Structure formats: structure tokens, C-alpha cells
């Protein structure tokens, strides 16, 4: 019985760590990419003076 509990607990921990490594890292990458894209748009360039070209 104790072995079964240990195996189940290990499986739950593995799934939890795997989820956090894959999903949290991906979300961080998406936010980082979105921020860098936002800062590199023409709207924020000094030449545009805040105007959006037609």
C-alpha cells in the first residue's frame, strides 16, 4: 500500500513539474516576444511623432 502511494505521489509531482516547466516557460517567452514586438513598432519610433501612418 505504501509503495502504491509513493508511486502515485511521484507521478503527480512529475506531471506538476512538467506542466510548470513547459507551460510557464512558454508563457514567459510569449510575453517577452510581445513586449519586444511592441517596442519595435513604428508607432514608438521618434520619426513617427506618435502618428500611425495610413
PDB file of N, CA and C in Angstrom:
ATOM      1  N   UNK A   1       0.828  -1.201   0.000  1.00  0.00           N
ATOM      2  CA  UNK A   1       0.000   0.000   0.000  1.00  0.00           C
ATOM      3  C   UNK A   1       0.869   1.261   0.000  1.00  0.00           C
ATOM      4  N   UNK A   2       1.909   1.267   0.820  1.00  0.00           N
ATOM      5  CA  UNK A   2       2.781   2.436   0.898  1.00  0.00           C
ATOM      6  C   UNK A   2       3.518   2.669  -0.422  1.00  0.00           C
ATOM      7  N   UNK A   3       3.913   1.576  -1.081  1.00  0.00           N
ATOM      8  CA  UNK A   3       4.586   1.692  -2.372  1.00  0.00           C
ATOM      9  C   UNK A   3       3.659   2.324  -3.407  1.00  0.00           C
ATOM     10  N   UNK A   4       2.407   1.946  -3.376  1.00  0.00           N
ATOM     11  CA  UNK A   4       1.442   2.494  -4.324  1.00  0.00           C
ATOM     12  C   UNK A   4       1.241   3.999  -4.093  1.00  0.00           C
ATOM     13  N   UNK A   5       1.208   4.408  -2.846  1.00  0.00           N
ATOM     14  CA  UNK A   5       1.070   5.831  -2.527  1.00  0.00           C
ATOM     15  C   UNK A   5       2.302   6.594  -3.007  1.00  0.00           C
ATOM     16  N   UNK A   6       3.487   6.030  -2.792  1.00  0.00           N
ATOM     17  CA  UNK A   6       4.717   6.689  -3.244  1.00  0.00           C
ATOM     18  C   UNK A   6       4.753   6.827  -4.762  1.00  0.00           C
ATOM     19  N   UNK A   7       4.344   5.787  -5.469  1.00  0.00           N
ATOM     20  CA  UNK A   7       4.336   5.840  -6.933  1.00  0.00           C
ATOM     21  C   UNK A   7       3.340   6.890  -7.413  1.00  0.00           C
ATOM     22  N   UNK A   8       2.156   6.914  -6.821  1.00  0.00           N
ATOM     23  CA  UNK A   8       1.138   7.892  -7.215  1.00  0.00           C
ATOM     24  C   UNK A   8       1.623   9.312  -6.935  1.00  0.00           C
ATOM     25  N   UNK A   9       2.206   9.524  -5.784  1.00  0.00           N
ATOM     26  CA  UNK A   9       2.719  10.846  -5.428  1.00  0.00           C
ATOM     27  C   UNK A   9       3.827  11.280  -6.392  1.00  0.00           C
ATOM     28  N   UNK A  10       4.706  10.344  -6.744  1.00  0.00           N
ATOM     29  CA  UNK A  10       5.780  10.653  -7.689  1.00  0.00           C
ATOM     30  C   UNK A  10       5.226  11.023  -9.057  1.00  0.00           C
ATOM     31  N   UNK A  11       4.190  10.327  -9.499  1.00  0.00           N
ATOM     32  CA  UNK A  11       3.577  10.630 -10.795  1.00  0.00           C
ATOM     33  C   UNK A  11       2.935  12.013 -10.785  1.00  0.00           C
ATOM     34  N   UNK A  12       2.278  12.352  -9.680  1.00  0.00           N
ATOM     35  CA  UNK A  12       1.650  13.675  -9.572  1.00  0.00           C
ATOM     36  C   UNK A  12       2.717  14.764  -9.581  1.00  0.00           C
ATOM     37  N   UNK A  13       3.788  14.581  -8.829  1.00  0.00           N
ATOM     38  CA  UNK A  13       4.867  15.567  -8.809  1.00  0.00           C
ATOM     39  C   UNK A  13       5.506  15.722 -10.184  1.00  0.00           C
ATOM     40  N   UNK A  14       5.724  14.605 -10.868  1.00  0.00           N
ATOM     41  CA  UNK A  14       6.316  14.666 -12.203  1.00  0.00           C
ATOM     42  C   UNK A  14       5.425  15.461 -13.151  1.00  0.00           C
ATOM     43  N   UNK A  15       4.124  15.189 -13.124  1.00  0.00           N
ATOM     44  CA  UNK A  15       3.189  15.903 -14.003  1.00  0.00           C
ATOM     45  C   UNK A  15       3.158  17.389 -13.657  1.00  0.00           C
ATOM     46  N   UNK A  16       3.195  17.718 -12.370  1.00  0.00           N
ATOM     47  CA  UNK A  16       3.154  19.118 -11.937  1.00  0.00           C
ATOM     48  C   UNK A  16       4.408  19.868 -12.388  1.00  0.00           C
ATOM     49  N   UNK A  17       5.590  19.269 -12.170  1.00  0.00           N
ATOM     50  CA  UNK A  17       6.831  19.921 -12.590  1.00  0.00           C
ATOM     51  C   UNK A  17       6.909  20.039 -14.104  1.00  0.00           C
ATOM     52  N   UNK A  18       6.472  18.999 -14.800  1.00  0.00           N
ATOM     53  CA  UNK A  18       6.492  19.020 -16.261  1.00  0.00           C
ATOM     54  C   UNK A  18       5.592  20.137 -16.780  1.00  0.00           C
ATOM     55  N   UNK A  19       4.419  20.282 -16.195  1.00  0.00           N
ATOM     56  CA  UNK A  19       3.494  21.349 -16.598  1.00  0.00           C
ATOM     57  C   UNK A  19       4.125  22.721 -16.393  1.00  0.00           C
ATOM     58  N   UNK A  20       4.738  22.934 -15.239  1.00  0.00           N
ATOM     59  CA  UNK A  20       5.310  24.247 -14.941  1.00  0.00           C
ATOM     60  C   UNK A  20       6.523  24.555 -15.808  1.00  0.00           C
ATOM     61  N   UNK A  21       7.317  23.549 -16.095  1.00  0.00           N
ATOM     62  CA  UNK A  21       8.487  23.787 -16.941  1.00  0.00           C
ATOM     63  C   UNK A  21       8.046  24.133 -18.355  1.00  0.00           C
ATOM     64  N   UNK A  22       7.096  23.395 -18.904  1.00  0.00           N
ATOM     65  CA  UNK A  22       6.672  23.625 -20.287  1.00  0.00           C
ATOM     66  C   UNK A  22       5.773  24.844 -20.420  1.00  0.00           C
ATOM     67  N   UNK A  23       4.732  24.923 -19.627  1.00  0.00           N
ATOM     68  CA  UNK A  23       3.721  25.960 -19.822  1.00  0.00           C
ATOM     69  C   UNK A  23       4.160  27.320 -19.297  1.00  0.00           C
ATOM     70  N   UNK A  24       4.794  27.368 -18.155  1.00  0.00           N
ATOM     71  CA  UNK A  24       5.210  28.656 -17.597  1.00  0.00           C
ATOM     72  C   UNK A  24       6.322  29.254 -18.440  1.00  0.00           C
ATOM     73  N   UNK A  25       7.250  28.428 -18.902  1.00  0.00           N
ATOM     74  CA  UNK A  25       8.317  28.940 -19.752  1.00  0.00           C
ATOM     75  C   UNK A  25       7.745  29.464 -21.067  1.00  0.00           C
ATOM     76  N   UNK A  26       6.794  28.750 -21.636  1.00  0.00           N
ATOM     77  CA  UNK A  26       6.184  29.195 -22.891  1.00  0.00           C
ATOM     78  C   UNK A  26       5.464  30.524 -22.701  1.00  0.00           C
ATOM     79  N   UNK A  27       4.747  30.668 -21.603  1.00  0.00           N
ATOM     80  CA  UNK A  27       4.029  31.918 -21.346  1.00  0.00           C
ATOM     81  C   UNK A  27       5.012  33.069 -21.172  1.00  0.00           C
ATOM     82  N   UNK A  28       6.118  32.813 -20.513  1.00  0.00           N
ATOM     83  CA  UNK A  28       7.132  33.850 -20.336  1.00  0.00           C
ATOM     84  C   UNK A  28       7.717  34.251 -21.677  1.00  0.00           C
ATOM     85  N   UNK A  29       7.980  33.283 -22.526  1.00  0.00           N
ATOM     86  CA  UNK A  29       8.514  33.586 -23.850  1.00  0.00           C
ATOM     87  C   UNK A  29       7.529  34.413 -24.662  1.00  0.00           C
ATOM     88  N   UNK A  30       6.253  34.075 -24.585  1.00  0.00           N
ATOM     89  CA  UNK A  30       5.239  34.806 -25.345  1.00  0.00           C
ATOM     90  C   UNK A  30       5.179  36.250 -24.867  1.00  0.00           C
ATOM     91  N   UNK A  31       5.185  36.467 -23.551  1.00  0.00           N
ATOM     92  CA  UNK A  31       5.136  37.833 -23.023  1.00  0.00           C
ATOM     93  C   UNK A  31       6.383  38.617 -23.421  1.00  0.00           C
ATOM     94  N   UNK A  32       7.546  37.973 -23.373  1.00  0.00           N
ATOM     95  CA  UNK A  32       8.786  38.652 -23.742  1.00  0.00           C
ATOM     96  C   UNK A  32       8.753  39.042 -25.216  1.00  0.00           C
ATOM     97  N   UNK A  33       8.297  38.118 -26.076  1.00  0.00           N
ATOM     98  CA  UNK A  33       8.225  38.407 -27.508  1.00  0.00           C
ATOM     99  C   UNK A  33       7.212  39.509 -27.793  1.00  0.00           C
ATOM    100  N   UNK A  34       6.092  39.489 -27.104  1.00  0.00           N
ATOM    101  CA  UNK A  34       5.072  40.511 -27.328  1.00  0.00           C
ATOM    102  C   UNK A  34       5.601  41.879 -26.919  1.00  0.00           C
ATOM    103  N   UNK A  35       6.331  41.935 -25.817  1.00  0.00           N
ATOM    104  CA  UNK A  35       6.875  43.215 -25.366  1.00  0.00           C
ATOM    105  C   UNK A  35       7.908  43.731 -26.355  1.00  0.00           C
ATOM    106  N   UNK A  36       8.782  42.863 -26.839  1.00  0.00           N
ATOM    107  CA  UNK A  36       9.798  43.323 -27.774  1.00  0.00           C
ATOM    108  C   UNK A  36       9.168  43.741 -29.096  1.00  0.00           C
ATOM    109  N   UNK A  37       8.109  43.061 -29.544  1.00  0.00           N
ATOM    110  CA  UNK A  37       7.416  43.462 -30.764  1.00  0.00           C
ATOM    111  C   UNK A  37       6.758  44.821 -30.576  1.00  0.00           C
ATOM    112  N   UNK A  38       6.183  45.047 -29.411  1.00  0.00           N
ATOM    113  CA  UNK A  38       5.514  46.315 -29.147  1.00  0.00           C
ATOM    114  C   UNK A  38       6.514  47.468 -29.175  1.00  0.00           C
ATOM    115  N   UNK A  39       7.674  47.249 -28.620  1.00  0.00           N
ATOM    116  CA  UNK A  39       8.676  48.313 -28.571  1.00  0.00           C
ATOM    117  C   UNK A  39       9.320  48.562 -29.931  1.00  0.00           C
ATOM    118  N   UNK A  40       9.241  47.599 -30.823  1.00  0.00           N
ATOM    119  CA  UNK A  40       9.876  47.753 -32.130  1.00  0.00           C
ATOM    120  C   UNK A  40       8.918  48.230 -33.210  1.00  0.00           C
ATOM    121  N   UNK A  41       7.705  48.583 -32.862  1.00  0.00           N
ATOM    122  CA  UNK A  41       6.762  49.035 -33.882  1.00  0.00           C
ATOM    123  C   UNK A  41       7.037  50.477 -34.257  1.00  0.00           C
ATOM    124  N   UNK A  42       6.522  50.883 -35.405  1.00  0.00           N
ATOM    125  CA  UNK A  42       6.765  52.226 -35.916  1.00  0.00           C
ATOM    126  C   UNK A  42       6.088  53.307 -35.068  1.00  0.00           C
ATOM    127  N   UNK A  43       5.066  52.936 -34.293  1.00  0.00           N
ATOM    128  CA  UNK A  43       4.329  53.929 -33.505  1.00  0.00           C
ATOM    129  C   UNK A  43       5.246  54.572 -32.471  1.00  0.00           C
ATOM    130  N   UNK A  44       6.211  53.812 -31.969  1.00  0.00           N
ATOM    131  CA  UNK A  44       7.070  54.324 -30.914  1.00  0.00           C
ATOM    132  C   UNK A  44       8.395  54.859 -31.443  1.00  0.00           C
ATOM    133  N   UNK A  45       8.541  54.929 -32.743  1.00  0.00           N
ATOM    134  CA  UNK A  45       9.799  55.444 -33.274  1.00  0.00           C
ATOM    135  C   UNK A  45       9.791  56.969 -33.230  1.00  0.00           C
ATOM    136  N   UNK A  46      10.935  57.589 -33.069  1.00  0.00           N
ATOM    137  CA  UNK A  46      10.979  59.056 -32.990  1.00  0.00           C
ATOM    138  C   UNK A  46      10.499  59.725 -34.277  1.00  0.00           C
ATOM    139  N   UNK A  47      10.671  59.058 -35.412  1.00  0.00           N
ATOM    140  CA  UNK A  47      10.285  59.663 -36.686  1.00  0.00           C
ATOM    141  C   UNK A  47       8.778  59.794 -36.839  1.00  0.00           C
ATOM    142  N   UNK A  48       8.005  58.946 -36.163  1.00  0.00           N
ATOM    143  CA  UNK A  48       6.556  58.958 -36.372  1.00  0.00           C
ATOM    144  C   UNK A  48       5.854  60.033 -35.551  1.00  0.00           C
ATOM    145  N   UNK A  49       6.495  60.528 -34.495  1.00  0.00           N
ATOM    146  CA  UNK A  49       5.893  61.518 -33.590  1.00  0.00           C
ATOM    147  C   UNK A  49       4.549  61.056 -33.041  1.00  0.00           C
ATOM    148  N   UNK A  50       4.412  59.748 -32.839  1.00  0.00           N
ATOM    149  CA  UNK A  50       3.182  59.203 -32.271  1.00  0.00           C
ATOM    150  C   UNK A  50       2.063  59.010 -33.268  1.00  0.00           C
ATOM    151  N   UNK A  51       2.285  59.350 -34.548  1.00  0.00           N
ATOM    152  CA  UNK A  51       1.237  59.184 -35.565  1.00  0.00           C
ATOM    153  C   UNK A  51       1.302  57.792 -36.162  1.00  0.00           C
ATOM    154  N   UNK A  52       0.152  57.243 -36.481  1.00  0.00           N
ATOM    155  CA  UNK A  52       0.080  55.952 -37.154  1.00  0.00           C
ATOM    156  C   UNK A  52      -0.091  56.228 -38.645  1.00  0.00           C
ATOM    157  N   UNK A  53       0.843  55.752 -39.476  1.00  0.00           N
ATOM    158  CA  UNK A  53       0.727  56.033 -40.910  1.00  0.00           C
ATOM    159  C   UNK A  53      -0.496  55.362 -41.519  1.00  0.00           C
ATOM    160  N   UNK A  54      -1.104  56.014 -42.508  1.00  0.00           N
ATOM    161  CA  UNK A  54      -2.309  55.485 -43.151  1.00  0.00           C
ATOM    162  C   UNK A  54      -1.965  54.390 -44.129  1.00  0.00           C
TER     163      UNK A  54
END
